[in-house]
Amino acid sequence: MIKNILINLLKIKEKSWYYEYRYFKFKKKFKIFDKFRLNENSIVIDLGSNVGDVTKFISKSYNSTIYSYEPNIHAFNIQKSRLGNINKIFFFNECVDIKNGEKKIYFHQKAKAGGDVEYSHASSLDLNKSNVSDQNYKIVKSTSIEDIIDNFDYIDLIKIDIEGYEYKIIPILIKNKHKIKKVVCELHGNPAYKNKYKDYEEKYKNLINELNKLNLINSWFVEWY
């Protein structure tokens, strides 16, 4: 009896309603997007949308048109079940890279074989990320970030949470900054977080230095935690 209850509790994380509960618990974190003055005419690109929390907040708060990219099929399916009835959200079960093709998405070391929802937030295209497994991965479609940008005359916001792979695509975003109003990005390797993703510290420092030289920090590029 107790064993069955525990099994059912574990399965909750596979259900979309669990994420609705979590969304209302943590959505204060998303208030950062209020400062960007998004509206029903805004174009938003969500890279690494996971189960769709940021996509949902932006949709409900500003009614923007959102293009949501999530390569982890487990998180993607939860997102579609939660938000699939909103006609201004376009879903892509793809990763974003510097070119079109295919990539391996590596799952967290504690994830089930083939990945799962529970550890989907840690999946990465970067095998060097310290908490992923080189034995547990899936091949997914990759779309060029440059091709995505080329589809639009102007993009109001690009949100990025792609677990270390941000350093691959940000140089292309900088090159196209005249077409992008704002970039909000989780950066790995911030030395303020001791012993967390230290392997990214050099990339972090180099990027921050470049953004500072270009006067883009907090005006065009916003680091998000």
Protein backbone atom coordinates (compact mmCIF):
# COMPACT_ATOMS: atom_id res chain seq x y z
CA MET A 1 0.00 0.00 0.00
CA ILE A 2 2.68 2.50 1.05
CA LYS A 3 4.81 1.47 -1.92
CA ASN A 4 1.93 2.16 -4.32
CA ILE A 5 1.35 5.59 -2.79
CA LEU A 6 5.02 6.48 -3.22
CA ILE A 7 4.97 5.33 -6.85
CA ASN A 8 1.90 7.48 -7.55
CA LEU A 9 3.52 10.49 -5.89
CA LEU A 10 6.54 10.11 -8.14
CA LYS A 11 4.29 9.99 -11.18
CA ILE A 12 2.81 13.38 -10.27
CA LYS A 13 5.78 15.07 -11.92
CA GLU A 14 4.70 13.54 -15.21
CA LYS A 15 1.33 15.32 -14.97
CA SER A 16 0.76 18.82 -16.33
CA TRP A 17 -1.31 19.90 -13.29
CA TYR A 18 1.75 19.45 -11.08
CA TYR A 19 3.46 22.16 -13.10
CA GLU A 20 0.44 24.46 -12.77
CA TYR A 21 0.85 24.20 -9.00
CA ARG A 22 4.57 24.88 -9.29
CA TYR A 23 3.97 27.79 -11.66
CA PHE A 24 1.77 29.66 -9.21
CA LYS A 25 4.27 28.96 -6.45
CA PHE A 26 7.25 30.45 -8.29
CA LYS A 27 5.85 32.91 -10.83
CA LYS A 28 7.09 35.93 -8.84
CA LYS A 29 10.46 35.11 -10.35
CA PHE A 30 9.07 36.02 -13.77
CA LYS A 31 8.21 39.59 -12.81
CA ILE A 32 11.53 40.56 -14.42
CA PHE A 33 9.70 40.47 -17.75
CA ASP A 34 7.40 43.32 -16.70
CA LYS A 35 10.20 45.81 -17.28
CA PHE A 36 10.46 44.98 -21.00
CA ARG A 37 7.07 46.46 -21.93
CA LEU A 38 5.90 43.49 -23.93
CA ASN A 39 2.45 43.60 -25.46
CA GLU A 40 0.14 41.79 -27.90
CA ASN A 41 2.29 42.90 -30.84
CA SER A 42 5.59 41.70 -29.37
CA ILE A 43 7.60 38.81 -30.82
CA VAL A 44 9.29 36.64 -28.18
CA ILE A 45 11.68 33.71 -28.70
CA ASP A 46 11.97 31.30 -25.77
CA LEU A 47 15.08 29.14 -26.11
CA GLY A 48 15.12 26.28 -23.63
CA SER A 49 11.48 26.66 -22.64
CA ASN A 50 11.37 23.38 -20.66
CA VAL A 51 7.80 22.80 -19.37
CA GLY A 52 6.70 26.27 -20.50
CA ASP A 53 6.64 28.40 -17.34
CA VAL A 54 8.18 31.52 -18.89
CA THR A 55 6.20 31.03 -22.09
CA LYS A 56 3.00 30.79 -20.06
CA PHE A 57 3.78 33.89 -18.00
CA ILE A 58 4.54 36.01 -21.06
CA SER A 59 1.46 34.73 -22.88
CA LYS A 60 -0.90 35.33 -19.97
CA SER A 61 0.63 38.67 -18.95
CA TYR A 62 1.20 40.35 -22.32
CA ASN A 63 -0.53 38.20 -24.99
CA SER A 64 2.67 38.24 -27.06
CA THR A 65 3.43 35.89 -29.95
CA ILE A 66 5.93 33.32 -28.68
CA TYR A 67 8.16 30.84 -30.48
CA SER A 68 9.09 28.18 -27.95
CA TYR A 69 12.07 25.83 -28.45
CA GLU A 70 12.60 22.81 -26.20
CA PRO A 71 14.63 19.75 -27.29
CA ASN A 72 13.86 17.51 -24.30
CA ILE A 73 10.80 15.55 -25.45
CA HIS A 74 9.61 14.89 -21.89
CA ALA A 75 9.49 18.60 -20.99
CA PHE A 76 8.17 19.45 -24.45
CA ASN A 77 5.19 17.10 -24.06
CA ILE A 78 4.30 18.62 -20.69
CA GLN A 79 4.50 22.08 -22.23
CA LYS A 80 2.23 21.13 -25.14
CA SER A 81 -0.33 19.62 -22.77
CA ARG A 82 -0.37 22.84 -20.71
CA LEU A 83 -0.28 25.47 -23.46
CA GLY A 84 -1.20 23.76 -26.71
CA ASN A 85 -4.57 25.51 -26.91
CA ILE A 86 -3.05 29.01 -27.11
CA ASN A 87 -2.87 29.97 -30.78
CA LYS A 88 -0.17 32.63 -30.35
CA ILE A 89 2.38 30.09 -29.09
CA PHE A 90 4.35 28.07 -31.65
CA PHE A 91 6.12 24.97 -30.33
CA PHE A 92 9.33 23.41 -31.64
CA ASN A 93 10.77 20.18 -30.26
CA GLU A 94 14.22 21.27 -31.41
CA CYS A 95 17.47 22.56 -30.03
CA VAL A 96 19.08 25.77 -31.20
CA ASP A 97 22.62 25.68 -32.52
CA ILE A 98 24.90 27.60 -34.85
CA LYS A 99 23.79 25.45 -37.81
CA ASN A 100 20.94 23.22 -38.91
CA GLY A 101 21.22 19.46 -38.51
CA GLU A 102 21.18 17.12 -35.56
CA LYS A 103 22.73 17.24 -32.08
CA LYS A 104 23.00 15.00 -29.07
CA ILE A 105 21.15 16.22 -26.03
CA TYR A 106 22.78 14.83 -22.90
CA PHE A 107 20.62 14.09 -19.87
CA HIS A 108 21.40 14.65 -16.21
CA GLN A 109 23.44 11.94 -14.50
CA LYS A 110 20.46 11.08 -12.29
CA ALA A 111 17.92 11.01 -15.11
CA LYS A 112 16.32 7.79 -16.29
CA ALA A 113 17.60 6.16 -19.47
CA GLY A 114 16.23 8.27 -22.30
CA GLY A 115 15.69 11.22 -19.97
CA ASP A 116 12.72 12.30 -17.88
CA VAL A 117 10.82 15.39 -16.79
CA GLU A 118 12.26 15.60 -13.29
CA TYR A 119 15.80 16.34 -14.49
CA SER A 120 14.88 17.89 -17.83
CA HIS A 121 15.94 21.36 -16.66
CA ALA A 122 19.57 20.16 -16.61
CA SER A 123 19.69 18.59 -20.09
CA SER A 124 22.39 20.12 -22.26
CA LEU A 125 23.96 20.00 -25.70
CA ASP A 126 27.31 20.53 -24.01
CA LEU A 127 28.92 17.25 -23.01
CA ASN A 128 31.41 19.19 -20.89
CA LYS A 129 28.66 20.30 -18.49
CA SER A 130 29.61 18.65 -15.23
CA ASN A 131 26.24 17.10 -14.32
CA VAL A 132 25.33 15.38 -17.61
CA SER A 133 25.99 11.80 -18.67
CA ASP A 134 27.88 10.90 -21.83
CA GLN A 135 26.01 7.58 -21.88
CA ASN A 136 22.47 8.92 -21.60
CA TYR A 137 21.51 11.08 -24.57
CA LYS A 138 19.15 11.45 -27.49
CA ILE A 139 19.69 12.79 -30.99
CA VAL A 140 17.44 15.78 -31.72
CA LYS A 141 16.88 18.19 -34.59
CA SER A 142 18.92 21.39 -34.42
CA THR A 143 17.93 24.73 -35.91
CA SER A 144 20.33 27.53 -36.72
CA ILE A 145 19.91 30.58 -34.48
CA GLU A 146 20.75 32.72 -37.50
CA ASP A 147 17.88 31.15 -39.47
CA ILE A 148 15.51 31.86 -36.58
CA ILE A 149 16.56 35.51 -36.47
CA ASP A 150 16.24 35.81 -40.25
CA ASN A 151 12.57 34.84 -40.03
CA PHE A 152 11.73 38.16 -38.37
CA ASP A 153 12.11 41.84 -39.14
CA TYR A 154 12.46 42.53 -35.42
CA ILE A 155 12.39 40.50 -32.19
CA ASP A 156 11.30 42.16 -28.96
CA LEU A 157 12.81 39.58 -26.61
CA ILE A 158 14.93 36.45 -26.71
CA LYS A 159 14.98 34.49 -23.46
CA ILE A 160 17.76 31.87 -23.15
CA ASP A 161 18.11 29.00 -20.70
CA ILE A 162 20.09 26.31 -22.50
CA GLU A 163 22.41 24.96 -19.85
CA GLY A 164 25.85 26.11 -20.88
CA TYR A 165 25.28 26.18 -24.62
CA GLU A 166 24.43 29.89 -24.49
CA TYR A 167 28.09 30.66 -25.13
CA LYS A 168 27.81 29.11 -28.60
CA ILE A 169 24.94 31.27 -29.81
CA ILE A 170 25.40 34.62 -28.03
CA PRO A 171 28.11 35.84 -30.48
CA ILE A 172 25.56 35.45 -33.27
CA LEU A 173 22.96 37.37 -31.27
CA ILE A 174 25.45 40.18 -30.72
CA LYS A 175 26.13 40.30 -34.44
CA ASN A 176 22.38 40.67 -35.02
CA LYS A 177 21.64 42.98 -32.09
CA HIS A 178 20.11 45.59 -34.39
CA LYS A 179 17.20 43.15 -34.89
CA ILE A 180 16.76 42.24 -31.21
CA LYS A 181 15.46 44.62 -28.55
CA LYS A 182 16.39 42.58 -25.45
CA VAL A 183 18.14 39.34 -24.50
CA VAL A 184 17.47 37.75 -21.11
CA CYS A 185 19.82 34.87 -20.38
CA GLU A 186 20.83 32.46 -17.65
CA LEU A 187 24.62 32.35 -17.75
CA HIS A 188 26.57 29.42 -16.33
CA GLY A 189 29.89 30.03 -14.62
CA ASN A 190 29.20 33.19 -12.65
CA PRO A 191 31.99 33.12 -10.00
CA ALA A 192 29.55 34.57 -7.45
CA TYR A 193 28.11 31.07 -7.23
CA LYS A 194 31.11 29.26 -5.77
CA ASN A 195 31.78 25.68 -6.90
CA LYS A 196 28.86 25.73 -9.34
CA TYR A 197 29.81 25.19 -12.99
CA LYS A 198 33.37 26.35 -12.45
CA ASP A 199 34.23 24.90 -15.86
CA TYR A 200 32.31 27.82 -17.41
CA GLU A 201 33.97 30.60 -15.42
CA GLU A 202 36.42 31.59 -18.15
CA LYS A 203 33.66 31.75 -20.77
CA TYR A 204 31.53 33.77 -18.38
CA LYS A 205 34.27 36.33 -17.71
CA ASN A 206 35.12 36.68 -21.40
CA LEU A 207 31.50 37.23 -22.38
CA ILE A 208 30.83 39.75 -19.63
CA ASN A 209 33.97 41.67 -20.62
CA GLU A 210 32.86 41.78 -24.24
CA LEU A 211 29.33 42.89 -23.35
CA ASN A 212 30.72 45.61 -21.11
CA LYS A 213 32.99 46.88 -23.87
CA LEU A 214 29.97 47.11 -26.16
CA ASN A 215 27.88 48.80 -23.44
CA LEU A 216 25.25 46.07 -23.72
CA ILE A 217 24.99 44.93 -20.09
CA ASN A 218 21.53 45.72 -18.66
CA SER A 219 20.67 47.86 -21.67
CA TRP A 220 20.45 45.09 -24.28
CA PHE A 221 21.63 41.99 -22.40
CA VAL A 222 20.17 41.08 -19.00
CA GLU A 223 21.62 38.22 -16.96
CA TRP A 224 18.90 36.15 -15.29
CA TYR A 225 19.35 33.78 -12.37
